[in-house]
Amino acid sequence: MKISFYRKSIIGFLFAILASCATARYDEPTVILKIDDSTYQIRYVGWNDSSVKLKKYVTVKAAEITLREKYTYFELFNEKSRSTMTQNFGSIDMYEAHAKMYKQKPANLPGIYNAVEVMKNLGTQISEKDLDKKIVPMKEIEDKEEKKKTEPL
């Protein structure tokens, strides 16, 4: 019996999921791919995870990368969310987006995030069980914000 390419792809995808954790962990994104100097693709996959949780992970990870790369603002685009029901394991959920980073806030462009604000507001909602390691410690974010307050305009 010949197995189609589509079925092989699905089987490979399911084995990759089975090899990873049953639920998405913040510190273990499925994909972080550098597209160019200011753009990354970020994807999280997990079993029985809400798209809200996975989007939060993508957004906070984008903020961390933005700060690590010495940018201040970012936008998410090409956002995709998918949930696939399985017979025995519940749903396999995926959320991905591209993050474009900016040093200055672009004028007239909706949906721009301030990376420091995302870390202060959304980053604190990630629980300890989802977070073993962070790229940018909170102290570093606070120091960056204090430096901005003291810099002359």
N, C-alpha and C. Protein backbone atom coordinates (compact mmCIF):
# COMPACT_ATOMS: atom_id res chain seq x y z
N MET A 1 0.84 -1.17 0.00
CA MET A 1 0.00 0.00 0.00
C MET A 1 0.89 1.24 0.00
N LYS A 2 0.62 2.16 -0.91
CA LYS A 2 1.41 3.37 -1.04
C LYS A 2 0.78 4.48 -0.21
N ILE A 3 1.58 5.13 0.63
CA ILE A 3 1.09 6.23 1.46
C ILE A 3 1.37 7.54 0.73
N SER A 4 0.35 8.38 0.63
CA SER A 4 0.49 9.64 -0.09
C SER A 4 1.41 10.60 0.66
N PHE A 5 1.94 11.56 -0.07
CA PHE A 5 2.80 12.59 0.53
C PHE A 5 2.06 13.33 1.63
N TYR A 6 0.79 13.63 1.41
CA TYR A 6 -0.03 14.35 2.40
C TYR A 6 -0.11 13.56 3.70
N ARG A 7 -0.39 12.27 3.59
CA ARG A 7 -0.49 11.44 4.80
C ARG A 7 0.86 11.32 5.51
N LYS A 8 1.94 11.19 4.73
CA LYS A 8 3.27 11.15 5.33
C LYS A 8 3.56 12.44 6.09
N SER A 9 3.16 13.56 5.51
CA SER A 9 3.38 14.85 6.16
C SER A 9 2.61 14.94 7.47
N ILE A 10 1.36 14.50 7.44
CA ILE A 10 0.53 14.53 8.65
C ILE A 10 1.12 13.61 9.72
N ILE A 11 1.53 12.41 9.32
CA ILE A 11 2.12 11.47 10.27
C ILE A 11 3.41 12.04 10.86
N GLY A 12 4.23 12.64 10.02
CA GLY A 12 5.47 13.26 10.51
C GLY A 12 5.19 14.39 11.47
N PHE A 13 4.19 15.20 11.15
CA PHE A 13 3.79 16.31 12.03
C PHE A 13 3.32 15.78 13.38
N LEU A 14 2.51 14.74 13.36
CA LEU A 14 2.00 14.17 14.61
C LEU A 14 3.13 13.56 15.45
N PHE A 15 4.08 12.89 14.81
CA PHE A 15 5.21 12.34 15.56
C PHE A 15 6.05 13.45 16.18
N ALA A 16 6.21 14.55 15.45
CA ALA A 16 6.96 15.69 16.01
C ALA A 16 6.26 16.24 17.23
N ILE A 17 4.95 16.31 17.16
CA ILE A 17 4.16 16.79 18.30
C ILE A 17 4.28 15.81 19.47
N LEU A 18 4.17 14.52 19.18
CA LEU A 18 4.27 13.53 20.25
C LEU A 18 5.63 13.57 20.93
N ALA A 19 6.66 13.90 20.18
CA ALA A 19 8.00 13.96 20.76
C ALA A 19 8.18 15.17 21.67
N SER A 20 7.37 16.20 21.47
CA SER A 20 7.48 17.40 22.30
C SER A 20 6.55 17.28 23.50
N CYS A 21 6.47 18.32 24.29
CA CYS A 21 5.58 18.31 25.46
C CYS A 21 4.13 18.21 25.02
N ALA A 22 3.31 17.76 25.94
CA ALA A 22 1.89 17.66 25.66
C ALA A 22 1.25 19.03 25.58
N THR A 23 1.78 19.97 26.30
CA THR A 23 1.25 21.33 26.26
C THR A 23 2.39 22.27 25.88
N ALA A 24 2.04 23.36 25.24
CA ALA A 24 3.07 24.31 24.82
C ALA A 24 3.73 24.92 26.05
N ARG A 25 5.04 25.06 25.99
CA ARG A 25 5.78 25.74 27.06
C ARG A 25 6.34 27.01 26.47
N TYR A 26 6.27 28.07 27.24
CA TYR A 26 6.73 29.36 26.76
C TYR A 26 8.20 29.31 26.36
N ASP A 27 9.01 28.63 27.14
CA ASP A 27 10.44 28.61 26.90
C ASP A 27 10.85 27.60 25.83
N GLU A 28 9.87 26.94 25.19
CA GLU A 28 10.18 25.99 24.14
C GLU A 28 9.30 26.23 22.91
N PRO A 29 9.52 27.36 22.22
CA PRO A 29 8.74 27.59 21.01
C PRO A 29 9.05 26.53 19.96
N THR A 30 8.07 26.22 19.14
CA THR A 30 8.28 25.23 18.09
C THR A 30 9.21 25.77 17.02
N VAL A 31 9.04 27.05 16.67
CA VAL A 31 9.86 27.67 15.63
C VAL A 31 10.19 29.11 16.02
N ILE A 32 11.46 29.47 15.92
CA ILE A 32 11.89 30.87 15.88
C ILE A 32 12.85 30.94 14.71
N LEU A 33 12.42 31.60 13.66
CA LEU A 33 13.19 31.65 12.42
C LEU A 33 13.47 33.11 12.07
N LYS A 34 14.73 33.45 11.93
CA LYS A 34 15.11 34.81 11.54
C LYS A 34 14.93 34.95 10.04
N ILE A 35 14.03 35.84 9.64
CA ILE A 35 13.75 36.07 8.22
C ILE A 35 14.75 37.08 7.64
N ASP A 36 14.93 38.18 8.35
CA ASP A 36 15.94 39.18 8.01
C ASP A 36 16.35 39.87 9.31
N ASP A 37 17.13 40.95 9.21
CA ASP A 37 17.65 41.59 10.42
C ASP A 37 16.57 42.08 11.38
N SER A 38 15.38 42.38 10.87
CA SER A 38 14.34 42.93 11.75
C SER A 38 13.03 42.14 11.70
N THR A 39 13.06 40.92 11.20
CA THR A 39 11.84 40.12 11.10
C THR A 39 12.11 38.67 11.53
N TYR A 40 11.22 38.16 12.36
CA TYR A 40 11.29 36.77 12.83
C TYR A 40 9.94 36.09 12.64
N GLN A 41 9.97 34.80 12.39
CA GLN A 41 8.77 33.97 12.42
C GLN A 41 8.79 33.23 13.75
N ILE A 42 7.65 33.26 14.47
CA ILE A 42 7.55 32.61 15.78
C ILE A 42 6.32 31.71 15.76
N ARG A 43 6.49 30.46 16.21
CA ARG A 43 5.37 29.51 16.24
C ARG A 43 5.41 28.68 17.52
N TYR A 44 4.23 28.50 18.09
CA TYR A 44 4.04 27.59 19.22
C TYR A 44 3.00 26.55 18.84
N VAL A 45 3.23 25.31 19.27
CA VAL A 45 2.29 24.22 19.04
C VAL A 45 2.13 23.48 20.36
N GLY A 46 0.90 23.08 20.67
CA GLY A 46 0.66 22.31 21.88
C GLY A 46 -0.62 21.51 21.78
N TRP A 47 -0.82 20.61 22.71
CA TRP A 47 -2.05 19.82 22.77
C TRP A 47 -3.03 20.51 23.69
N ASN A 48 -4.25 20.63 23.22
CA ASN A 48 -5.35 21.16 24.04
C ASN A 48 -5.01 22.51 24.66
N ASP A 49 -4.32 23.37 23.91
CA ASP A 49 -4.00 24.72 24.35
C ASP A 49 -4.91 25.71 23.63
N SER A 50 -5.28 26.76 24.30
CA SER A 50 -6.14 27.76 23.66
C SER A 50 -5.31 28.63 22.72
N SER A 51 -5.94 29.13 21.68
CA SER A 51 -5.24 30.02 20.76
C SER A 51 -4.88 31.32 21.48
N VAL A 52 -5.65 31.70 22.50
CA VAL A 52 -5.36 32.91 23.29
C VAL A 52 -4.01 32.73 24.00
N LYS A 53 -3.80 31.56 24.62
CA LYS A 53 -2.54 31.27 25.31
C LYS A 53 -1.38 31.28 24.33
N LEU A 54 -1.55 30.62 23.19
CA LEU A 54 -0.47 30.54 22.22
C LEU A 54 -0.16 31.90 21.61
N LYS A 55 -1.19 32.73 21.38
CA LYS A 55 -0.95 34.08 20.86
C LYS A 55 -0.20 34.91 21.90
N LYS A 56 -0.54 34.74 23.17
CA LYS A 56 0.17 35.45 24.24
C LYS A 56 1.65 35.07 24.20
N TYR A 57 1.94 33.77 24.06
CA TYR A 57 3.33 33.33 23.99
C TYR A 57 4.05 33.97 22.80
N VAL A 58 3.41 33.97 21.63
CA VAL A 58 4.03 34.56 20.44
C VAL A 58 4.30 36.05 20.66
N THR A 59 3.33 36.75 21.24
CA THR A 59 3.47 38.19 21.45
C THR A 59 4.59 38.51 22.44
N VAL A 60 4.65 37.79 23.54
CA VAL A 60 5.70 38.04 24.54
C VAL A 60 7.07 37.64 23.98
N LYS A 61 7.13 36.53 23.26
CA LYS A 61 8.40 36.12 22.66
C LYS A 61 8.87 37.17 21.65
N ALA A 62 7.94 37.74 20.89
CA ALA A 62 8.29 38.81 19.94
C ALA A 62 8.84 40.02 20.70
N ALA A 63 8.24 40.35 21.83
CA ALA A 63 8.73 41.47 22.65
C ALA A 63 10.14 41.19 23.17
N GLU A 64 10.39 39.97 23.62
CA GLU A 64 11.73 39.61 24.10
C GLU A 64 12.78 39.72 23.01
N ILE A 65 12.45 39.19 21.84
CA ILE A 65 13.39 39.26 20.72
C ILE A 65 13.62 40.71 20.32
N THR A 66 12.57 41.51 20.31
CA THR A 66 12.68 42.93 19.97
C THR A 66 13.67 43.62 20.90
N LEU A 67 13.56 43.40 22.19
CA LEU A 67 14.47 44.02 23.15
C LEU A 67 15.88 43.46 23.04
N ARG A 68 15.99 42.16 22.84
CA ARG A 68 17.31 41.53 22.70
C ARG A 68 18.07 42.09 21.50
N GLU A 69 17.33 42.36 20.42
CA GLU A 69 17.94 42.86 19.19
C GLU A 69 18.08 44.38 19.18
N LYS A 70 17.82 45.02 20.33
CA LYS A 70 17.98 46.48 20.50
C LYS A 70 16.96 47.30 19.70
N TYR A 71 15.76 46.76 19.55
CA TYR A 71 14.65 47.51 18.97
C TYR A 71 13.68 47.87 20.09
N THR A 72 12.71 48.72 19.79
CA THR A 72 11.74 49.14 20.81
C THR A 72 10.32 48.73 20.47
N TYR A 73 9.97 48.74 19.21
CA TYR A 73 8.59 48.47 18.77
C TYR A 73 8.56 47.27 17.84
N PHE A 74 7.38 46.64 17.75
CA PHE A 74 7.21 45.55 16.80
C PHE A 74 5.75 45.45 16.40
N GLU A 75 5.54 44.80 15.29
CA GLU A 75 4.18 44.46 14.84
C GLU A 75 4.15 42.98 14.53
N LEU A 76 2.97 42.39 14.69
CA LEU A 76 2.76 41.00 14.30
C LEU A 76 1.95 40.98 13.02
N PHE A 77 2.38 40.19 12.05
CA PHE A 77 1.65 40.05 10.79
C PHE A 77 1.75 38.61 10.33
N ASN A 78 0.99 38.28 9.29
CA ASN A 78 0.90 36.89 8.81
C ASN A 78 0.54 35.95 9.96
N GLU A 79 -0.39 36.38 10.80
CA GLU A 79 -0.80 35.57 11.94
C GLU A 79 -1.67 34.41 11.46
N LYS A 80 -1.38 33.23 12.00
CA LYS A 80 -2.14 32.03 11.63
C LYS A 80 -2.43 31.24 12.90
N SER A 81 -3.65 30.75 12.98
CA SER A 81 -4.05 29.90 14.10
C SER A 81 -4.73 28.68 13.52
N ARG A 82 -4.37 27.50 14.06
CA ARG A 82 -4.99 26.28 13.54
C ARG A 82 -5.18 25.31 14.70
N SER A 83 -6.30 24.63 14.69
CA SER A 83 -6.58 23.60 15.67
C SER A 83 -7.06 22.36 14.92
N THR A 84 -6.43 21.23 15.18
CA THR A 84 -6.77 19.97 14.53
C THR A 84 -7.19 18.97 15.59
N MET A 85 -8.37 18.43 15.45
CA MET A 85 -8.85 17.42 16.41
C MET A 85 -8.28 16.05 16.04
N THR A 86 -7.85 15.32 17.05
CA THR A 86 -7.37 13.96 16.85
C THR A 86 -8.35 13.01 17.52
N GLN A 87 -8.31 11.75 17.14
CA GLN A 87 -9.23 10.78 17.73
C GLN A 87 -8.93 10.50 19.19
N ASN A 88 -7.67 10.40 19.53
CA ASN A 88 -7.30 9.94 20.86
C ASN A 88 -6.67 10.99 21.77
N PHE A 89 -6.20 12.11 21.22
CA PHE A 89 -5.41 13.03 22.02
C PHE A 89 -6.04 14.41 22.19
N GLY A 90 -7.24 14.64 21.74
CA GLY A 90 -7.83 15.98 21.82
C GLY A 90 -7.39 16.82 20.64
N SER A 91 -7.08 18.06 20.87
CA SER A 91 -6.71 18.94 19.76
C SER A 91 -5.22 19.24 19.76
N ILE A 92 -4.69 19.42 18.56
CA ILE A 92 -3.33 19.91 18.38
C ILE A 92 -3.50 21.34 17.89
N ASP A 93 -2.97 22.28 18.67
CA ASP A 93 -3.19 23.70 18.40
C ASP A 93 -1.89 24.38 18.02
N MET A 94 -1.98 25.33 17.08
CA MET A 94 -0.81 26.04 16.59
C MET A 94 -1.16 27.51 16.43
N TYR A 95 -0.21 28.37 16.79
CA TYR A 95 -0.35 29.80 16.53
C TYR A 95 1.02 30.29 16.09
N GLU A 96 1.04 31.05 14.97
CA GLU A 96 2.30 31.60 14.50
C GLU A 96 2.08 32.99 13.95
N ALA A 97 3.16 33.75 13.92
CA ALA A 97 3.13 35.09 13.35
C ALA A 97 4.55 35.50 12.99
N HIS A 98 4.64 36.48 12.12
CA HIS A 98 5.91 37.13 11.84
C HIS A 98 5.96 38.39 12.69
N ALA A 99 7.10 38.68 13.26
CA ALA A 99 7.29 39.89 14.06
C ALA A 99 8.28 40.79 13.34
N LYS A 100 7.83 41.99 12.99
CA LYS A 100 8.69 43.00 12.35
C LYS A 100 9.04 44.03 13.41
N MET A 101 10.33 44.29 13.60
CA MET A 101 10.80 45.17 14.67
C MET A 101 11.20 46.53 14.12
N TYR A 102 11.01 47.55 14.96
CA TYR A 102 11.31 48.94 14.60
C TYR A 102 12.05 49.62 15.75
N LYS A 103 13.00 50.49 15.40
CA LYS A 103 13.69 51.30 16.41
C LYS A 103 12.81 52.47 16.82
N GLN A 104 12.16 53.10 15.87
CA GLN A 104 11.24 54.21 16.12
C GLN A 104 9.83 53.74 15.82
N LYS A 105 8.86 54.33 16.51
CA LYS A 105 7.47 53.94 16.27
C LYS A 105 7.03 54.47 14.90
N PRO A 106 6.60 53.57 14.01
CA PRO A 106 6.14 54.02 12.69
C PRO A 106 4.86 54.85 12.81
N ALA A 107 4.81 55.93 12.06
CA ALA A 107 3.62 56.77 12.06
C ALA A 107 2.54 56.13 11.20
N ASN A 108 1.32 56.28 11.62
CA ASN A 108 0.14 55.83 10.86
C ASN A 108 0.14 54.34 10.55
N LEU A 109 0.72 53.54 11.40
CA LEU A 109 0.71 52.09 11.21
C LEU A 109 0.02 51.47 12.43
N PRO A 110 -1.18 50.93 12.24
CA PRO A 110 -1.91 50.36 13.39
C PRO A 110 -1.29 49.06 13.86
N GLY A 111 -1.57 48.70 15.11
CA GLY A 111 -1.13 47.41 15.63
C GLY A 111 0.33 47.34 16.03
N ILE A 112 0.92 48.47 16.37
CA ILE A 112 2.32 48.48 16.79
C ILE A 112 2.39 48.29 18.31
N TYR A 113 3.24 47.38 18.74
CA TYR A 113 3.43 47.10 20.17
C TYR A 113 4.71 47.75 20.66
N ASN A 114 4.68 48.26 21.89
CA ASN A 114 5.88 48.71 22.59
C ASN A 114 6.38 47.49 23.36
N ALA A 115 7.59 47.03 23.07
CA ALA A 115 8.09 45.79 23.66
C ALA A 115 8.20 45.86 25.18
N VAL A 116 8.59 46.99 25.73
CA VAL A 116 8.70 47.12 27.18
C VAL A 116 7.32 47.00 27.82
N GLU A 117 6.33 47.65 27.23
CA GLU A 117 4.97 47.58 27.78
C GLU A 117 4.40 46.17 27.70
N VAL A 118 4.68 45.47 26.61
CA VAL A 118 4.22 44.09 26.48
C VAL A 118 4.82 43.23 27.59
N MET A 119 6.11 43.39 27.84
CA MET A 119 6.76 42.60 28.88
C MET A 119 6.21 42.93 30.26
N LYS A 120 5.93 44.20 30.52
CA LYS A 120 5.42 44.60 31.83
C LYS A 120 3.98 44.15 32.04
N ASN A 121 3.16 44.18 31.00
CA ASN A 121 1.74 43.88 31.15
C ASN A 121 1.38 42.44 30.80
N LEU A 122 1.81 41.97 29.67
CA LEU A 122 1.45 40.63 29.21
C LEU A 122 2.45 39.58 29.68
N GLY A 123 3.71 39.96 29.74
CA GLY A 123 4.75 39.02 30.15
C GLY A 123 4.57 38.51 31.56
N THR A 124 3.99 39.33 32.42
CA THR A 124 3.78 38.91 33.81
C THR A 124 2.65 37.91 33.96
N GLN A 125 1.86 37.69 32.91
CA GLN A 125 0.76 36.73 32.96
C GLN A 125 1.20 35.29 32.68
N ILE A 126 2.44 35.13 32.29
CA ILE A 126 2.96 33.79 32.02
C ILE A 126 3.40 33.18 33.34
N SER A 127 2.89 32.00 33.65
CA SER A 127 3.16 31.39 34.95
C SER A 127 4.54 30.73 34.98
N GLU A 128 5.02 30.47 36.17
CA GLU A 128 6.34 29.84 36.34
C GLU A 128 6.44 28.49 35.65
N LYS A 129 5.36 27.71 35.62
CA LYS A 129 5.44 26.40 34.99
C LYS A 129 5.65 26.50 33.48
N ASP A 130 5.30 27.65 32.92
CA ASP A 130 5.49 27.87 31.48
C ASP A 130 6.81 28.56 31.18
N LEU A 131 7.57 28.88 32.20
CA LEU A 131 8.73 29.73 32.00
C LEU A 131 9.92 29.23 32.79
N ASP A 132 10.84 28.53 32.14
CA ASP A 132 12.06 28.11 32.80
C ASP A 132 13.17 29.12 32.58
N LYS A 133 13.19 29.71 31.39
CA LYS A 133 14.23 30.68 31.09
C LYS A 133 13.64 31.78 30.21
N LYS A 134 14.09 32.97 30.41
CA LYS A 134 13.64 34.11 29.61
C LYS A 134 14.85 34.69 28.90
N ILE A 135 14.64 35.16 27.70
CA ILE A 135 15.74 35.79 26.96
C ILE A 135 16.12 37.11 27.63
N VAL A 136 15.12 37.89 28.04
CA VAL A 136 15.36 39.21 28.62
C VAL A 136 14.83 39.22 30.05
N PRO A 137 15.69 39.30 31.05
CA PRO A 137 15.20 39.38 32.42
C PRO A 137 14.43 40.68 32.66
N MET A 138 13.45 40.64 33.54
CA MET A 138 12.62 41.80 33.83
C MET A 138 13.47 42.97 34.32
N LYS A 139 14.53 42.72 35.07
CA LYS A 139 15.40 43.79 35.58
C LYS A 139 16.00 44.57 34.42
N GLU A 140 16.41 43.88 33.37
CA GLU A 140 16.99 44.54 32.20
C GLU A 140 15.96 45.44 31.53
N ILE A 141 14.72 45.02 31.48
CA ILE A 141 13.66 45.83 30.88
C ILE A 141 13.44 47.09 31.70
N GLU A 142 13.39 46.94 33.03
CA GLU A 142 13.19 48.10 33.89
C GLU A 142 14.36 49.07 33.76
N ASP A 143 15.59 48.55 33.67
CA ASP A 143 16.76 49.41 33.50
C ASP A 143 16.68 50.20 32.20
N LYS A 144 16.24 49.55 31.14
CA LYS A 144 16.11 50.21 29.84
C LYS A 144 15.09 51.34 29.91
N GLU A 145 13.99 51.09 30.61
CA GLU A 145 12.94 52.10 30.74
C GLU A 145 13.44 53.28 31.58
N GLU A 146 14.18 53.02 32.65
CA GLU A 146 14.73 54.09 33.48
C GLU A 146 15.71 54.94 32.68
N LYS A 147 16.52 54.29 31.85
CA LYS A 147 17.48 55.01 31.02
C LYS A 147 16.77 55.96 30.07
N LYS A 148 15.65 55.51 29.49
CA LYS A 148 14.89 56.36 28.57
C LYS A 148 14.35 57.60 29.29
N LYS A 149 13.92 57.42 30.55
CA LYS A 149 13.37 58.55 31.31
C LYS A 149 14.43 59.61 31.58
N THR A 150 15.69 59.19 31.72
CA THR A 150 16.74 60.13 32.05
C THR A 150 17.45 60.71 30.84
N GLU A 151 17.19 60.16 29.65
CA GLU A 151 17.83 60.67 28.44
C GLU A 151 17.17 61.97 28.02
N PRO A 152 17.96 62.95 27.57
CA PRO A 152 17.36 64.21 27.10
C PRO A 152 16.61 64.00 25.80
N LEU A 153 15.56 64.77 25.60
CA LEU A 153 14.78 64.66 24.35
C LEU A 153 15.42 65.46 23.30
